[in-house]
Amino acid sequence: MKRNAVYPGTFDPITNGHIDLVRRAAGIFDAVIVAIAANPNKTPMFSLEMRVNLARRVLADIPNVSVEGYSGLTVDFARAHGGAVVVRGLRALSDFEFEFQLANMSRHLDRDFETVFLTPQEQFTFISSTLVREIATLGGDIHEFVHPIVEAELKKRRRD
């Protein structure tokens, strides 16, 4: 039986912390789908198409990883794409309460829905897409936090 996982998020932009979790999930599961949410409740810096494109480019070297954009419920996306498990990242204790609620609500919507929590390597625990966007917008150095492809796109946005 194949074990597939879905790693959902907004990924605006994808950071080195996200990439770390994808690599580690890819070592545990047969296939990992990075599911990039349209998320109408947020106003992303990058379009869904651009976020999917960036993620595909920076994750291209991991053979059992694919990237898909989606809208709607994560449980529906996971079910439609054969994802038996959803991977979520926990950077700090402050993430736990929200992620715990999300996992329980998802299981309520689909009783077969399982969530696996992964913690990033220590050097990535303080990185968030929100902080990266803010630092980039203010002209700060973000090379330690994102892949060079993402860094170039953020710098391009700043110039535009």
Foldseek 3Di string as FASTA:
>chain_A
DFAEEEEEDQPLPPKVQNVQVVVVVVVVGQAYEDEHEQPPVDDGPDHQVVNQVVVCVVNVVRVRYHYYYDYDDPLVVCVVVVHQEYEYEDLDPVVPVVVVVVQVVSCVVPVSYYYDYDYGPPVQSVDDSVVLLVCLLVPHDCPVIHPPVVSVVSVVSNVD
